[in-house]
Amino acid sequence: MKKFFLFGYFGRNNFGDDLMLISLLRHIPKNKYKKIVLSGNSNFSNKIRDFDTIIYPRTVFNFFKSLFQCTDFVLTGGSWFHDNYKKNPDKINFLIKIILLTVSLIFLRFLNKKVILLGISIGPFSSNSIIKFFSYLSIYFSNTILLRDKKSLSEIKLMNKNFLQKAILGKDLVELISQDFNTKLSGNKNYLGISIINLEQFKNNENIYDSEIYKKLVNKISKILIQKKKLKIKVFALWTPKDKNINDVHESRKFINLFDKKFKNRFELIEYKNNYKSFLKEMIKCKYMISTRLHSFLAAYYLKQNCNVIVYNRKCADAAKHLFISKKRLLFLNKINDENSISKWFNFLFKNNLSPKSEFDSNLKKKINNCLGIKFSQ
């Protein structure tokens, strides 16, 4: 019997990663295949026990234990191979993780185990990036790859054309679960949702960067709050680890504190607490959504909300292009946005309903099953 080690940033208070895992667990038949998952907290572990999953606490010992126990290693979704981080210690920590991951994948292949990179994105890289070198090795030693956007496909083609023989173009794993989203509830026109992330970690001093973007949003939203007396703001924190000095809760509170105190009772902070269903219920209450994190954008898209995106790196732009999102919904940080451009961006959000043009990829399940080597899940 196949035993999949589904590896990722799970049970670590990260909405997007947890949602990708749950999407895949719901897809893989319960009784036919065993699944191993490392979870960062017991609360999340309890929520995935129903999927007949072997759950270990997230430790180095259990990681290597799972490598030996599995028949197939599945790197489950996300942005694992890039050099977006521009500042230390983020950049150094990410490099260490990529090196350890690459060594683990090589080790697995020597043990004659299958390595699957599922629902991932690749790039961008700077020209002389050491991370690019280790990413190359990881891709070289993998058996099959399901990519979630076309840019990633172009990226591995530039690395080595032979990589295209084991690469398949798909979508983000969240699409697997998107058809179960409750879109029957219509968003309240008096709620605007916004997800907040620390953008400084992606700042590159060599390029233009709109470091004042949150202050500009505050100025515009303040004017809107004056005009729309009933409008309330839900601020969503998708990454909420308690052991981190900087997380989305911290950044969201900083954002809320930028507003005049007279607006205080019109704000609500929604923290992800390892329960994706309750988090989505809060999102669906919003008629409008401004997203920074990729999975706040994807969730809003699949909930059929009016959604605009703050593009802080390439993966957001890639996803928007892949889903045929109008460029008028995108606000790029790699240029200075003036008051007029931000006003147009907000006007487009409030006056134009989002009409999804990208249909559910009916072949996505088949592509995933081919990568995993399993029979079609009914």
Protein backbone atom coordinates (compact mmCIF):
# COMPACT_ATOMS: atom_id res chain seq x y z
CA MET A 1 0.00 0.00 0.00
CA LYS A 2 1.21 3.48 -0.88
CA LYS A 3 2.09 5.66 2.08
CA PHE A 4 2.27 9.38 1.24
CA PHE A 5 4.29 11.76 3.39
CA LEU A 6 2.44 15.05 2.75
CA PHE A 7 4.95 17.67 3.76
CA GLY A 8 4.37 21.39 4.13
CA TYR A 9 3.90 24.25 6.58
CA PHE A 10 0.93 22.60 8.30
CA GLY A 11 -0.54 23.25 11.73
CA ARG A 12 1.56 26.39 12.00
CA ASN A 13 -1.34 28.86 11.97
CA ASN A 14 -1.16 29.46 8.24
CA PHE A 15 -4.57 29.54 6.52
CA GLY A 16 -3.30 28.98 2.96
CA ASP A 17 -1.08 25.99 3.70
CA ASP A 18 -3.67 24.31 5.92
CA LEU A 19 -6.33 24.77 3.25
CA MET A 20 -4.07 23.18 0.60
CA LEU A 21 -3.48 20.16 2.84
CA ILE A 22 -7.17 19.69 3.65
CA SER A 23 -7.97 19.97 -0.06
CA LEU A 24 -5.58 17.12 -0.81
CA LEU A 25 -6.66 14.98 2.17
CA ARG A 26 -10.28 15.24 1.03
CA HIS A 27 -9.21 14.12 -2.44
CA ILE A 28 -7.11 11.05 -1.57
CA PRO A 29 -9.34 8.02 -0.76
CA LYS A 30 -9.30 7.26 2.98
CA ASN A 31 -8.96 3.50 3.07
CA LYS A 32 -6.85 2.84 -0.01
CA TYR A 33 -3.81 4.96 0.85
CA LYS A 34 -2.03 5.95 4.04
CA LYS A 35 -1.09 9.59 4.67
CA ILE A 36 1.56 10.96 7.03
CA VAL A 37 1.41 14.60 8.13
CA LEU A 38 3.57 16.63 10.51
CA SER A 39 1.41 19.09 12.42
CA GLY A 40 2.55 22.11 14.40
CA ASN A 41 -0.30 22.10 16.93
CA SER A 42 -2.84 19.70 18.45
CA ASN A 43 -5.83 21.87 17.55
CA PHE A 44 -5.16 21.48 13.82
CA SER A 45 -4.25 17.81 14.30
CA ASN A 46 -7.72 17.13 15.71
CA LYS A 47 -9.32 18.66 12.62
CA ILE A 48 -7.56 16.31 10.19
CA ARG A 49 -7.96 13.04 12.11
CA ASP A 50 -11.16 12.27 10.22
CA PHE A 51 -9.10 11.81 7.06
CA ASP A 52 -7.54 8.62 8.47
CA THR A 53 -4.18 10.36 8.70
CA ILE A 54 -1.04 9.38 10.63
CA ILE A 55 -0.19 12.59 12.47
CA TYR A 56 3.12 13.31 14.17
CA PRO A 57 4.22 16.45 16.01
CA ARG A 58 6.38 18.65 13.82
CA THR A 59 9.93 17.78 14.95
CA VAL A 60 13.19 17.01 13.15
CA PHE A 61 13.10 13.43 14.50
CA ASN A 62 9.58 12.86 13.14
CA PHE A 63 10.56 14.38 9.81
CA PHE A 64 13.32 11.80 9.27
CA LYS A 65 11.12 9.06 10.72
CA SER A 66 8.47 9.92 8.10
CA LEU A 67 11.06 9.89 5.32
CA PHE A 68 11.86 6.27 6.16
CA GLN A 69 8.21 5.24 6.62
CA CYS A 70 6.78 6.68 3.41
CA THR A 71 6.78 5.22 -0.08
CA ASP A 72 6.11 8.62 -1.69
CA PHE A 73 7.21 12.07 -0.51
CA VAL A 74 4.77 14.81 -1.56
CA LEU A 75 5.84 18.42 -1.20
CA THR A 76 2.34 19.80 -0.84
CA GLY A 77 1.71 23.18 -2.46
CA GLY A 78 3.21 26.59 -1.92
CA SER A 79 6.14 28.76 -2.93
CA TRP A 80 9.16 26.67 -2.04
CA PHE A 81 11.60 27.64 -4.77
CA HIS A 82 12.27 31.38 -5.13
CA ASP A 83 14.47 34.13 -3.74
CA ASN A 84 11.81 36.73 -2.97
CA TYR A 85 13.13 37.41 0.53
CA LYS A 86 15.45 40.41 0.42
CA LYS A 87 16.30 40.90 4.08
CA ASN A 88 18.01 38.85 6.76
CA PRO A 89 17.18 36.82 8.79
CA ASP A 90 14.34 35.78 6.45
CA LYS A 91 16.71 35.27 3.53
CA ILE A 92 19.21 33.16 5.51
CA ASN A 93 16.50 31.06 7.18
CA PHE A 94 14.87 30.35 3.83
CA LEU A 95 18.21 29.34 2.28
CA ILE A 96 18.84 26.87 5.12
CA LYS A 97 15.37 25.34 4.61
CA ILE A 98 15.94 24.93 0.87
CA ILE A 99 19.32 23.27 1.44
CA LEU A 100 17.85 20.82 3.97
CA LEU A 101 14.90 20.09 1.67
CA THR A 102 17.18 19.45 -1.30
CA VAL A 103 19.42 17.10 0.68
CA SER A 104 16.29 15.23 1.89
CA LEU A 105 14.99 14.80 -1.66
CA ILE A 106 18.34 13.42 -2.83
CA PHE A 107 18.35 11.07 0.17
CA LEU A 108 14.86 9.85 -0.72
CA ARG A 109 15.84 9.05 -4.29
CA PHE A 110 18.81 7.01 -3.07
CA LEU A 111 16.30 5.06 -0.96
CA ASN A 112 14.35 4.46 -4.19
CA LYS A 113 11.34 6.43 -2.98
CA LYS A 114 9.20 8.62 -5.20
CA VAL A 115 9.46 12.43 -4.91
CA ILE A 116 6.45 14.49 -6.00
CA LEU A 117 6.26 18.29 -6.05
CA LEU A 118 2.52 18.97 -6.07
CA GLY A 119 0.78 22.30 -6.72
CA ILE A 120 3.92 24.39 -6.33
CA SER A 121 5.24 27.56 -7.92
CA ILE A 122 8.84 28.13 -8.99
CA GLY A 123 10.72 31.43 -9.17
CA PRO A 124 11.49 34.19 -9.57
CA PHE A 125 15.25 33.99 -9.10
CA SER A 126 18.03 36.53 -9.40
CA SER A 127 20.71 35.62 -11.95
CA ASN A 128 23.40 34.47 -9.50
CA SER A 129 21.16 32.98 -6.83
CA ILE A 130 22.42 30.13 -4.66
CA ILE A 131 18.78 29.30 -3.95
CA LYS A 132 18.28 28.80 -7.68
CA PHE A 133 21.09 26.23 -7.66
CA PHE A 134 19.50 24.17 -4.87
CA SER A 135 16.07 24.57 -6.48
CA TYR A 136 17.57 23.13 -9.66
CA LEU A 137 18.81 20.11 -7.72
CA SER A 138 15.42 19.59 -6.06
CA ILE A 139 13.66 19.62 -9.41
CA TYR A 140 16.34 17.36 -10.94
CA PHE A 141 15.83 14.71 -8.24
CA SER A 142 12.02 14.85 -8.26
CA ASN A 143 9.98 12.29 -10.20
CA THR A 144 7.04 14.45 -11.19
CA ILE A 145 5.91 18.06 -10.73
CA LEU A 146 2.49 19.69 -10.81
CA LEU A 147 2.88 23.46 -11.26
CA ARG A 148 0.20 25.96 -10.33
CA ASP A 149 0.96 28.68 -12.91
CA LYS A 150 2.40 29.20 -16.38
CA LYS A 151 5.28 31.39 -15.17
CA SER A 152 6.64 28.45 -13.19
CA LEU A 153 6.51 26.32 -16.31
CA SER A 154 8.55 28.96 -18.15
CA GLU A 155 10.97 29.12 -15.21
CA ILE A 156 11.85 25.43 -15.26
CA LYS A 157 12.13 25.52 -19.06
CA LEU A 158 14.86 28.15 -18.65
CA MET A 159 16.58 25.95 -16.08
CA ASN A 160 16.56 22.82 -18.19
CA LYS A 161 14.24 21.94 -21.08
CA ASN A 162 14.35 18.29 -20.01
CA PHE A 163 12.46 19.25 -16.84
CA LEU A 164 9.36 19.76 -19.00
CA GLN A 165 9.15 15.98 -19.44
CA LYS A 166 8.12 15.56 -15.80
CA ALA A 167 6.21 18.84 -15.33
CA ILE A 168 2.43 19.26 -15.62
CA LEU A 169 0.57 22.57 -15.59
CA GLY A 170 -2.30 22.60 -13.09
CA LYS A 171 -3.65 25.07 -10.56
CA ASP A 172 -3.36 25.79 -6.86
CA LEU A 173 -4.49 22.83 -4.73
CA VAL A 174 -7.17 25.01 -3.12
CA GLU A 175 -9.18 24.63 -6.33
CA LEU A 176 -9.88 21.03 -5.26
CA ILE A 177 -11.97 22.24 -2.34
CA SER A 178 -13.33 25.41 -3.95
CA GLN A 179 -16.46 23.72 -5.31
CA ASP A 180 -17.52 23.03 -1.72
CA PHE A 181 -17.28 26.69 -0.71
CA ASN A 182 -20.63 28.06 0.38
CA THR A 183 -21.26 30.87 -2.09
CA LYS A 184 -25.02 30.94 -1.50
CA LEU A 185 -24.60 33.58 1.19
CA SER A 186 -24.35 36.97 -0.47
CA GLY A 187 -21.78 39.38 0.93
CA ASN A 188 -23.05 42.37 2.88
CA LYS A 189 -22.44 45.60 0.95
CA ASN A 190 -21.59 47.24 4.26
CA TYR A 191 -18.52 45.03 4.84
CA LEU A 192 -15.10 45.55 3.27
CA GLY A 193 -12.53 42.86 4.00
CA ILE A 194 -8.78 43.38 3.78
CA SER A 195 -5.91 40.97 4.45
CA ILE A 196 -2.65 42.41 5.77
CA ILE A 197 0.91 41.12 5.46
CA ASN A 198 4.34 42.49 6.35
CA LEU A 199 5.49 43.83 2.98
CA GLU A 200 8.92 45.05 4.09
CA GLN A 201 10.42 41.55 3.93
CA PHE A 202 10.03 41.60 0.14
CA LYS A 203 11.56 45.04 -0.37
CA ASN A 204 14.46 45.17 -2.81
CA ASN A 205 16.53 48.34 -2.50
CA GLU A 206 17.63 47.98 -6.12
CA ASN A 207 14.07 48.45 -7.41
CA ILE A 208 11.19 50.87 -6.96
CA TYR A 209 9.03 49.91 -3.99
CA ASP A 210 5.92 51.67 -2.71
CA SER A 211 6.76 51.58 1.01
CA GLU A 212 3.90 53.98 1.84
CA ILE A 213 1.16 51.83 0.36
CA TYR A 214 -0.62 51.05 3.66
CA LYS A 215 -0.68 54.72 4.65
CA LYS A 216 -2.13 55.57 1.25
CA LEU A 217 -4.80 52.91 1.69
CA VAL A 218 -5.61 54.27 5.14
CA ASN A 219 -6.08 57.77 3.72
CA LYS A 220 -8.41 56.52 1.00
CA ILE A 221 -10.38 54.14 3.24
CA SER A 222 -10.81 56.93 5.81
CA LYS A 223 -12.46 59.09 3.14
CA ILE A 224 -14.66 56.16 2.12
CA LEU A 225 -15.69 55.59 5.76
CA ILE A 226 -16.79 59.22 5.97
CA GLN A 227 -18.82 58.88 2.77
CA LYS A 228 -20.27 55.44 3.57
CA LYS A 229 -21.56 55.78 7.12
CA LYS A 230 -22.59 52.14 7.44
CA LEU A 231 -19.42 50.59 6.01
CA LYS A 232 -17.40 48.40 8.38
CA ILE A 233 -13.97 46.85 7.88
CA LYS A 234 -12.97 43.27 8.63
CA VAL A 235 -9.18 42.90 8.76
CA PHE A 236 -8.09 39.30 8.11
CA ALA A 237 -4.90 37.83 9.56
CA LEU A 238 -4.08 34.60 7.70
CA TRP A 239 -0.67 33.81 9.25
CA THR A 240 -0.97 33.86 13.05
CA PRO A 241 1.87 31.95 14.80
CA LYS A 242 2.26 32.99 18.42
CA ASP A 243 6.00 32.36 18.46
CA LYS A 244 6.81 34.93 15.76
CA ASN A 245 7.63 38.58 16.48
CA ILE A 246 6.15 39.61 13.15
CA ASN A 247 2.97 37.94 11.97
CA ASP A 248 -0.25 39.01 10.28
CA VAL A 249 -1.96 39.75 13.62
CA HIS A 250 0.83 42.14 14.57
CA GLU A 251 0.75 43.80 11.14
CA SER A 252 -3.06 43.99 11.11
CA ARG A 253 -3.12 45.79 14.47
CA LYS A 254 -0.51 48.23 13.21
CA PHE A 255 -2.67 48.88 10.16
CA ILE A 256 -5.83 49.44 12.24
CA ASN A 257 -3.94 51.82 14.56
CA LEU A 258 -3.12 54.05 11.59
CA PHE A 259 -6.78 55.09 11.44
CA ASP A 260 -8.34 57.90 13.43
CA LYS A 261 -9.79 56.70 16.74
CA LYS A 262 -13.26 57.86 15.68
CA PHE A 263 -13.36 54.86 13.31
CA LYS A 264 -12.32 52.34 15.97
CA ASN A 265 -15.78 50.75 16.41
CA ARG A 266 -16.01 50.11 12.66
CA PHE A 267 -13.07 47.67 12.60
CA GLU A 268 -12.95 43.98 13.45
CA LEU A 269 -9.81 41.82 13.46
CA ILE A 270 -10.39 38.23 12.26
CA GLU A 271 -7.55 35.84 13.16
CA TYR A 272 -7.08 32.43 11.59
CA LYS A 273 -7.25 29.91 14.45
CA ASN A 274 -6.80 26.58 12.65
CA ASN A 275 -10.44 26.46 11.57
CA TYR A 276 -10.74 27.23 7.87
CA LYS A 277 -14.54 26.91 7.81
CA SER A 278 -15.15 29.61 10.44
CA PHE A 279 -12.56 31.82 8.73
CA LEU A 280 -14.32 31.45 5.37
CA LYS A 281 -17.66 32.24 7.02
CA GLU A 282 -16.25 35.60 8.07
CA MET A 283 -14.87 36.23 4.59
CA ILE A 284 -18.16 35.49 2.84
CA LYS A 285 -19.84 38.20 4.91
CA CYS A 286 -17.83 40.79 2.98
CA LYS A 287 -19.16 42.19 -0.27
CA TYR A 288 -15.71 43.54 -1.13
CA MET A 289 -12.24 42.13 -0.46
CA ILE A 290 -8.73 43.58 -0.72
CA SER A 291 -6.15 40.79 -0.66
CA THR A 292 -2.41 40.73 -0.14
CA ARG A 293 -1.73 37.08 0.69
CA LEU A 294 -2.23 34.74 -2.25
CA HIS A 295 -4.76 32.50 -0.51
CA SER A 296 -6.88 35.39 0.69
CA PHE A 297 -7.15 36.31 -2.99
CA LEU A 298 -7.89 32.73 -4.12
CA ALA A 299 -10.47 32.22 -1.36
CA ALA A 300 -12.19 35.50 -2.27
CA TYR A 301 -12.13 34.52 -5.95
CA TYR A 302 -13.70 31.11 -5.35
CA LEU A 303 -16.24 32.71 -2.99
CA LYS A 304 -17.13 34.97 -5.95
CA GLN A 305 -16.47 38.18 -4.04
CA ASN A 306 -15.57 41.53 -5.54
CA CYS A 307 -11.84 41.34 -4.98
CA ASN A 308 -8.81 43.54 -5.65
CA VAL A 309 -5.22 42.42 -5.13
CA ILE A 310 -2.10 44.12 -3.78
CA VAL A 311 0.67 42.47 -5.78
CA TYR A 312 3.71 42.19 -3.53
CA ASN A 313 5.50 39.52 -5.57
CA ARG A 314 5.18 37.51 -8.75
CA LYS A 315 3.03 34.64 -7.47
CA CYS A 316 0.05 36.97 -6.94
CA ALA A 317 0.40 38.42 -10.45
CA ASP A 318 0.80 34.90 -11.90
CA ALA A 319 -2.36 33.67 -10.17
CA ALA A 320 -4.33 36.73 -11.31
CA LYS A 321 -3.23 36.20 -14.91
CA HIS A 322 -3.97 32.47 -14.69
CA LEU A 323 -7.52 33.30 -13.52
CA PHE A 324 -8.07 36.07 -16.12
CA ILE A 325 -8.35 38.83 -13.50
CA SER A 326 -8.55 42.36 -14.93
CA LYS A 327 -5.36 44.40 -14.45
CA LYS A 328 -7.58 47.15 -13.07
CA ARG A 329 -7.98 45.01 -9.95
CA LEU A 330 -4.21 44.84 -9.35
CA LEU A 331 -2.14 47.35 -7.37
CA PHE A 332 1.58 46.76 -7.87
CA LEU A 333 4.18 47.57 -5.24
CA ASN A 334 6.98 47.82 -7.78
CA LYS A 335 5.76 51.26 -8.78
CA ILE A 336 4.77 54.38 -6.82
CA ASN A 337 0.99 54.58 -6.67
CA ASP A 338 -0.39 58.12 -6.49
CA GLU A 339 -3.71 59.18 -5.01
CA ASN A 340 -5.42 59.16 -8.38
CA SER A 341 -4.40 55.58 -9.26
CA ILE A 342 -5.52 54.33 -5.83
CA SER A 343 -8.88 56.09 -6.21
CA LYS A 344 -9.40 54.42 -9.59
CA TRP A 345 -8.46 51.08 -8.04
CA PHE A 346 -11.08 51.50 -5.29
CA ASN A 347 -13.71 52.76 -7.72
CA PHE A 348 -13.25 49.67 -9.85
CA LEU A 349 -13.65 47.48 -6.76
CA PHE A 350 -16.93 49.09 -5.68
CA LYS A 351 -18.51 49.52 -9.12
CA ASN A 352 -17.62 46.29 -10.93
CA ASN A 353 -18.75 42.82 -9.92
CA LEU A 354 -16.15 40.09 -10.26
CA SER A 355 -17.24 37.59 -12.89
CA PRO A 356 -14.97 34.51 -12.74
CA LYS A 357 -13.87 33.63 -16.27
CA SER A 358 -11.74 30.67 -15.26
CA GLU A 359 -13.82 27.51 -15.03
CA PHE A 360 -13.03 24.70 -12.60
CA ASP A 361 -10.25 22.61 -14.10
CA SER A 362 -12.08 19.34 -14.65
CA ASN A 363 -8.77 17.65 -15.42
CA LEU A 364 -7.06 18.82 -12.22
CA LYS A 365 -8.07 15.74 -10.24
CA LYS A 366 -6.84 13.49 -13.03
CA LYS A 367 -3.53 15.36 -13.19
CA ILE A 368 -3.06 15.02 -9.42
CA ASN A 369 -3.91 11.32 -9.53
CA ASN A 370 -1.40 10.78 -12.32
CA CYS A 371 1.29 12.50 -10.25
CA LEU A 372 0.43 10.47 -7.16
CA GLY A 373 -0.11 7.24 -9.06
CA ILE A 374 -3.55 6.60 -7.56
CA LYS A 375 -6.92 5.60 -8.96
CA PHE A 376 -9.48 8.33 -9.52
CA SER A 377 -11.13 9.48 -6.29
CA GLN A 378 -14.92 9.39 -6.43
